[in-house]
Amino acid sequence: MKNEAKAARHLREANNAFKLVRTEKPMTDYAKDQQSLHDNHERLKAARLAREAKPKGSRA
């Protein structure tokens, strides 16, 4: 009985060690395009906010 329990414990530990990581579905072309548009929008927004945050007389 003790060996069976020990073997079962080792089997559980091995299964947990080699358990597949949660796989995500590959992005579709549409999702890639949407992500690209979102990233570009955020980049442009950050650039605009940085420009607006500069003092009016500064050209640097």
PDB file of N, CA and C in Angstrom:
ATOM      1  N   MET A   1       0.829  -1.194   0.000  1.00  0.00           N
ATOM      2  CA  MET A   1       0.000   0.000   0.000  1.00  0.00           C
ATOM      3  C   MET A   1       0.870   1.253   0.000  1.00  0.00           C
ATOM      4  N   LYS A   2       1.932   1.252   0.800  1.00  0.00           N
ATOM      5  CA  LYS A   2       2.785   2.412   0.888  1.00  0.00           C
ATOM      6  C   LYS A   2       3.468   2.706  -0.447  1.00  0.00           C
ATOM      7  N   ASN A   3       3.922   1.650  -1.134  1.00  0.00           N
ATOM      8  CA  ASN A   3       4.584   1.832  -2.426  1.00  0.00           C
ATOM      9  C   ASN A   3       3.608   2.352  -3.473  1.00  0.00           C
ATOM     10  N   GLU A   4       2.358   1.872  -3.414  1.00  0.00           N
ATOM     11  CA  GLU A   4       1.348   2.334  -4.369  1.00  0.00           C
ATOM     12  C   GLU A   4       1.054   3.824  -4.170  1.00  0.00           C
ATOM     13  N   ALA A   5       0.937   4.238  -2.925  1.00  0.00           N
ATOM     14  CA  ALA A   5       0.670   5.642  -2.627  1.00  0.00           C
ATOM     15  C   ALA A   5       1.853   6.505  -3.058  1.00  0.00           C
ATOM     16  N   LYS A   6       3.060   5.989  -2.810  1.00  0.00           N
ATOM     17  CA  LYS A   6       4.260   6.715  -3.196  1.00  0.00           C
ATOM     18  C   LYS A   6       4.339   6.836  -4.718  1.00  0.00           C
ATOM     19  N   ALA A   7       4.017   5.748  -5.410  1.00  0.00           N
ATOM     20  CA  ALA A   7       4.044   5.758  -6.871  1.00  0.00           C
ATOM     21  C   ALA A   7       2.983   6.709  -7.419  1.00  0.00           C
ATOM     22  N   ALA A   8       1.817   6.703  -6.805  1.00  0.00           N
ATOM     23  CA  ALA A   8       0.747   7.586  -7.251  1.00  0.00           C
ATOM     24  C   ALA A   8       1.143   9.044  -7.046  1.00  0.00           C
ATOM     25  N   ARG A   9       1.783   9.332  -5.932  1.00  0.00           N
ATOM     26  CA  ARG A   9       2.233  10.701  -5.649  1.00  0.00           C
ATOM     27  C   ARG A   9       3.270  11.134  -6.676  1.00  0.00           C
ATOM     28  N   HIS A  10       4.230  10.249  -6.965  1.00  0.00           N
ATOM     29  CA  HIS A  10       5.249  10.573  -7.958  1.00  0.00           C
ATOM     30  C   HIS A  10       4.634  10.767  -9.343  1.00  0.00           C
ATOM     31  N   LEU A  11       3.630   9.952  -9.663  1.00  0.00           N
ATOM     32  CA  LEU A  11       2.953  10.077 -10.949  1.00  0.00           C
ATOM     33  C   LEU A  11       2.227  11.426 -11.039  1.00  0.00           C
ATOM     34  N   ARG A  12       1.548  11.824  -9.953  1.00  0.00           N
ATOM     35  CA  ARG A  12       0.870  13.122  -9.932  1.00  0.00           C
ATOM     36  C   ARG A  12       1.868  14.261 -10.107  1.00  0.00           C
ATOM     37  N   GLU A  13       2.990  14.170  -9.400  1.00  0.00           N
ATOM     38  CA  GLU A  13       4.006  15.215  -9.501  1.00  0.00           C
ATOM     39  C   GLU A  13       4.579  15.290 -10.916  1.00  0.00           C
ATOM     40  N   ALA A  14       4.799  14.133 -11.532  1.00  0.00           N
ATOM     41  CA  ALA A  14       5.318  14.101 -12.899  1.00  0.00           C
ATOM     42  C   ALA A  14       4.297  14.691 -13.864  1.00  0.00           C
ATOM     43  N   ASN A  15       3.030  14.343 -13.686  1.00  0.00           N
ATOM     44  CA  ASN A  15       1.991  14.890 -14.555  1.00  0.00           C
ATOM     45  C   ASN A  15       1.893  16.398 -14.415  1.00  0.00           C
ATOM     46  N   ASN A  16       2.012  16.896 -13.197  1.00  0.00           N
ATOM     47  CA  ASN A  16       1.968  18.341 -12.984  1.00  0.00           C
ATOM     48  C   ASN A  16       3.179  19.032 -13.592  1.00  0.00           C
ATOM     49  N   ALA A  17       4.339  18.378 -13.521  1.00  0.00           N
ATOM     50  CA  ALA A  17       5.552  18.975 -14.072  1.00  0.00           C
ATOM     51  C   ALA A  17       5.481  19.084 -15.590  1.00  0.00           C
ATOM     52  N   PHE A  18       4.841  18.111 -16.226  1.00  0.00           N
ATOM     53  CA  PHE A  18       4.781  18.098 -17.685  1.00  0.00           C
ATOM     54  C   PHE A  18       3.423  18.524 -18.218  1.00  0.00           C
ATOM     55  N   LYS A  19       2.612  19.111 -17.358  1.00  0.00           N
ATOM     56  CA  LYS A  19       1.296  19.565 -17.777  1.00  0.00           C
ATOM     57  C   LYS A  19       1.452  20.644 -18.837  1.00  0.00           C
ATOM     58  N   LEU A  20       0.630  20.574 -19.835  1.00  0.00           N
ATOM     59  CA  LEU A  20       0.693  21.566 -20.896  1.00  0.00           C
ATOM     60  C   LEU A  20       0.333  22.942 -20.349  1.00  0.00           C
ATOM     61  N   VAL A  21       1.063  23.899 -20.786  1.00  0.00           N
ATOM     62  CA  VAL A  21       0.764  25.276 -20.432  1.00  0.00           C
ATOM     63  C   VAL A  21      -0.491  25.665 -21.185  1.00  0.00           C
ATOM     64  N   ARG A  22      -1.298  26.508 -20.582  1.00  0.00           N
ATOM     65  CA  ARG A  22      -2.537  26.917 -21.236  1.00  0.00           C
ATOM     66  C   ARG A  22      -2.211  27.470 -22.619  1.00  0.00           C
ATOM     67  N   THR A  23      -2.691  26.807 -23.608  1.00  0.00           N
ATOM     68  CA  THR A  23      -2.401  27.240 -24.968  1.00  0.00           C
ATOM     69  C   THR A  23      -3.448  28.242 -25.409  1.00  0.00           C
ATOM     70  N   GLU A  24      -2.988  29.231 -26.117  1.00  0.00           N
ATOM     71  CA  GLU A  24      -3.900  30.235 -26.632  1.00  0.00           C
ATOM     72  C   GLU A  24      -4.075  30.000 -28.125  1.00  0.00           C
ATOM     73  N   LYS A  25      -5.233  30.311 -28.597  1.00  0.00           N
ATOM     74  CA  LYS A  25      -5.495  30.160 -30.017  1.00  0.00           C
ATOM     75  C   LYS A  25      -4.646  31.174 -30.778  1.00  0.00           C
ATOM     76  N   PRO A  26      -4.121  30.771 -31.929  1.00  0.00           N
ATOM     77  CA  PRO A  26      -3.359  31.737 -32.718  1.00  0.00           C
ATOM     78  C   PRO A  26      -4.263  32.883 -33.171  1.00  0.00           C
ATOM     79  N   MET A  27      -3.674  34.057 -33.258  1.00  0.00           N
ATOM     80  CA  MET A  27      -4.458  35.229 -33.643  1.00  0.00           C
ATOM     81  C   MET A  27      -4.848  35.132 -35.117  1.00  0.00           C
ATOM     82  N   THR A  28      -6.059  35.526 -35.398  1.00  0.00           N
ATOM     83  CA  THR A  28      -6.510  35.586 -36.783  1.00  0.00           C
ATOM     84  C   THR A  28      -5.939  36.846 -37.428  1.00  0.00           C
ATOM     85  N   ASP A  29      -6.022  36.919 -38.724  1.00  0.00           N
ATOM     86  CA  ASP A  29      -5.539  38.116 -39.424  1.00  0.00           C
ATOM     87  C   ASP A  29      -6.302  39.349 -38.956  1.00  0.00           C
ATOM     88  N   TYR A  30      -7.597  39.183 -38.762  1.00  0.00           N
ATOM     89  CA  TYR A  30      -8.422  40.302 -38.295  1.00  0.00           C
ATOM     90  C   TYR A  30      -7.951  40.775 -36.923  1.00  0.00           C
ATOM     91  N   ALA A  31      -7.705  39.829 -36.018  1.00  0.00           N
ATOM     92  CA  ALA A  31      -7.265  40.187 -34.668  1.00  0.00           C
ATOM     93  C   ALA A  31      -5.893  40.848 -34.705  1.00  0.00           C
ATOM     94  N   LYS A  32      -5.011  40.369 -35.582  1.00  0.00           N
ATOM     95  CA  LYS A  32      -3.695  40.997 -35.715  1.00  0.00           C
ATOM     96  C   LYS A  32      -3.835  42.425 -36.207  1.00  0.00           C
ATOM     97  N   ASP A  33      -4.704  42.634 -37.186  1.00  0.00           N
ATOM     98  CA  ASP A  33      -4.927  43.984 -37.694  1.00  0.00           C
ATOM     99  C   ASP A  33      -5.492  44.895 -36.617  1.00  0.00           C
ATOM    100  N   GLN A  34      -6.446  44.388 -35.851  1.00  0.00           N
ATOM    101  CA  GLN A  34      -7.040  45.181 -34.782  1.00  0.00           C
ATOM    102  C   GLN A  34      -6.004  45.533 -33.724  1.00  0.00           C
ATOM    103  N   GLN A  35      -5.157  44.569 -33.361  1.00  0.00           N
ATOM    104  CA  GLN A  35      -4.114  44.811 -32.364  1.00  0.00           C
ATOM    105  C   GLN A  35      -3.118  45.845 -32.885  1.00  0.00           C
ATOM    106  N   SER A  36      -2.769  45.737 -34.161  1.00  0.00           N
ATOM    107  CA  SER A  36      -1.849  46.686 -34.771  1.00  0.00           C
ATOM    108  C   SER A  36      -2.436  48.094 -34.757  1.00  0.00           C
ATOM    109  N   LEU A  37      -3.702  48.228 -35.113  1.00  0.00           N
ATOM    110  CA  LEU A  37      -4.360  49.531 -35.096  1.00  0.00           C
ATOM    111  C   LEU A  37      -4.408  50.107 -33.681  1.00  0.00           C
ATOM    112  N   HIS A  38      -4.712  49.260 -32.721  1.00  0.00           N
ATOM    113  CA  HIS A  38      -4.777  49.707 -31.326  1.00  0.00           C
ATOM    114  C   HIS A  38      -3.406  50.184 -30.847  1.00  0.00           C
ATOM    115  N   ASP A  39      -2.361  49.400 -31.149  1.00  0.00           N
ATOM    116  CA  ASP A  39      -1.011  49.778 -30.731  1.00  0.00           C
ATOM    117  C   ASP A  39      -0.587  51.101 -31.372  1.00  0.00           C
ATOM    118  N   ASN A  40      -0.901  51.264 -32.665  1.00  0.00           N
ATOM    119  CA  ASN A  40      -0.549  52.493 -33.367  1.00  0.00           C
ATOM    120  C   ASN A  40      -1.309  53.684 -32.778  1.00  0.00           C
ATOM    121  N   HIS A  41      -2.567  53.483 -32.467  1.00  0.00           N
ATOM    122  CA  HIS A  41      -3.375  54.546 -31.866  1.00  0.00           C
ATOM    123  C   HIS A  41      -2.786  54.972 -30.528  1.00  0.00           C
ATOM    124  N   GLU A  42      -2.404  54.006 -29.711  1.00  0.00           N
ATOM    125  CA  GLU A  42      -1.814  54.321 -28.404  1.00  0.00           C
ATOM    126  C   GLU A  42      -0.485  55.052 -28.562  1.00  0.00           C
ATOM    127  N   ARG A  43       0.318  54.645 -29.542  1.00  0.00           N
ATOM    128  CA  ARG A  43       1.608  55.300 -29.788  1.00  0.00           C
ATOM    129  C   ARG A  43       1.394  56.751 -30.205  1.00  0.00           C
ATOM    130  N   LEU A  44       0.470  56.978 -31.120  1.00  0.00           N
ATOM    131  CA  LEU A  44       0.191  58.335 -31.577  1.00  0.00           C
ATOM    132  C   LEU A  44      -0.399  59.194 -30.466  1.00  0.00           C
ATOM    133  N   LYS A  45      -1.236  58.597 -29.638  1.00  0.00           N
ATOM    134  CA  LYS A  45      -1.826  59.324 -28.513  1.00  0.00           C
ATOM    135  C   LYS A  45      -0.736  59.760 -27.530  1.00  0.00           C
ATOM    136  N   ALA A  46       0.203  58.856 -27.252  1.00  0.00           N
ATOM    137  CA  ALA A  46       1.294  59.184 -26.335  1.00  0.00           C
ATOM    138  C   ALA A  46       2.156  60.304 -26.910  1.00  0.00           C
ATOM    139  N   ALA A  47       2.410  60.261 -28.218  1.00  0.00           N
ATOM    140  CA  ALA A  47       3.215  61.296 -28.847  1.00  0.00           C
ATOM    141  C   ALA A  47       2.489  62.645 -28.788  1.00  0.00           C
ATOM    142  N   ARG A  48       1.192  62.654 -29.026  1.00  0.00           N
ATOM    143  CA  ARG A  48       0.413  63.891 -28.986  1.00  0.00           C
ATOM    144  C   ARG A  48       0.415  64.466 -27.576  1.00  0.00           C
ATOM    145  N   LEU A  49       0.207  63.606 -26.575  1.00  0.00           N
ATOM    146  CA  LEU A  49       0.195  64.084 -25.190  1.00  0.00           C
ATOM    147  C   LEU A  49       1.557  64.641 -24.790  1.00  0.00           C
ATOM    148  N   ALA A  50       2.629  64.028 -25.289  1.00  0.00           N
ATOM    149  CA  ALA A  50       3.968  64.523 -24.978  1.00  0.00           C
ATOM    150  C   ALA A  50       4.187  65.892 -25.610  1.00  0.00           C
ATOM    151  N   ARG A  51       3.705  66.068 -26.852  1.00  0.00           N
ATOM    152  CA  ARG A  51       3.821  67.377 -27.513  1.00  0.00           C
ATOM    153  C   ARG A  51       3.031  68.430 -26.763  1.00  0.00           C
ATOM    154  N   GLU A  52       1.822  68.087 -26.340  1.00  0.00           N
ATOM    155  CA  GLU A  52       0.968  69.056 -25.649  1.00  0.00           C
ATOM    156  C   GLU A  52       1.505  69.399 -24.262  1.00  0.00           C
ATOM    157  N   ALA A  53       2.271  68.496 -23.663  1.00  0.00           N
ATOM    158  CA  ALA A  53       2.792  68.738 -22.323  1.00  0.00           C
ATOM    159  C   ALA A  53       3.985  69.685 -22.321  1.00  0.00           C
ATOM    160  N   LYS A  54       4.625  69.881 -23.485  1.00  0.00           N
ATOM    161  CA  LYS A  54       5.764  70.791 -23.568  1.00  0.00           C
ATOM    162  C   LYS A  54       5.281  72.229 -23.387  1.00  0.00           C
ATOM    163  N   PRO A  55       6.119  73.066 -22.794  1.00  0.00           N
ATOM    164  CA  PRO A  55       5.760  74.490 -22.683  1.00  0.00           C
ATOM    165  C   PRO A  55       5.602  75.100 -24.070  1.00  0.00           C
ATOM    166  N   LYS A  56       4.757  76.099 -24.179  1.00  0.00           N
ATOM    167  CA  LYS A  56       4.415  76.692 -25.491  1.00  0.00           C
ATOM    168  C   LYS A  56       5.647  77.297 -26.195  1.00  0.00           C
ATOM    169  N   GLY A  57       6.523  77.967 -25.498  1.00  0.00           N
ATOM    170  CA  GLY A  57       7.658  78.650 -26.125  1.00  0.00           C
ATOM    171  C   GLY A  57       8.830  77.717 -26.426  1.00  0.00           C
ATOM    172  N   SER A  58       8.793  76.487 -25.982  1.00  0.00           N
ATOM    173  CA  SER A  58       9.922  75.569 -26.145  1.00  0.00           C
ATOM    174  C   SER A  58       9.920  74.929 -27.529  1.00  0.00           C
ATOM    175  N   ARG A  59      11.113  74.871 -28.120  1.00  0.00           N
ATOM    176  CA  ARG A  59      11.226  74.217 -29.426  1.00  0.00           C
ATOM    177  C   ARG A  59      12.092  72.970 -29.327  1.00  0.00           C
ATOM    178  N   ALA A  60      12.480  72.548 -28.178  1.00  0.00           N
ATOM    179  CA  ALA A  60      13.370  71.401 -28.006  1.00  0.00           C
ATOM    180  C   ALA A  60      12.668  70.100 -28.024  1.00  0.00           C
TER     181      ALA A  60
END
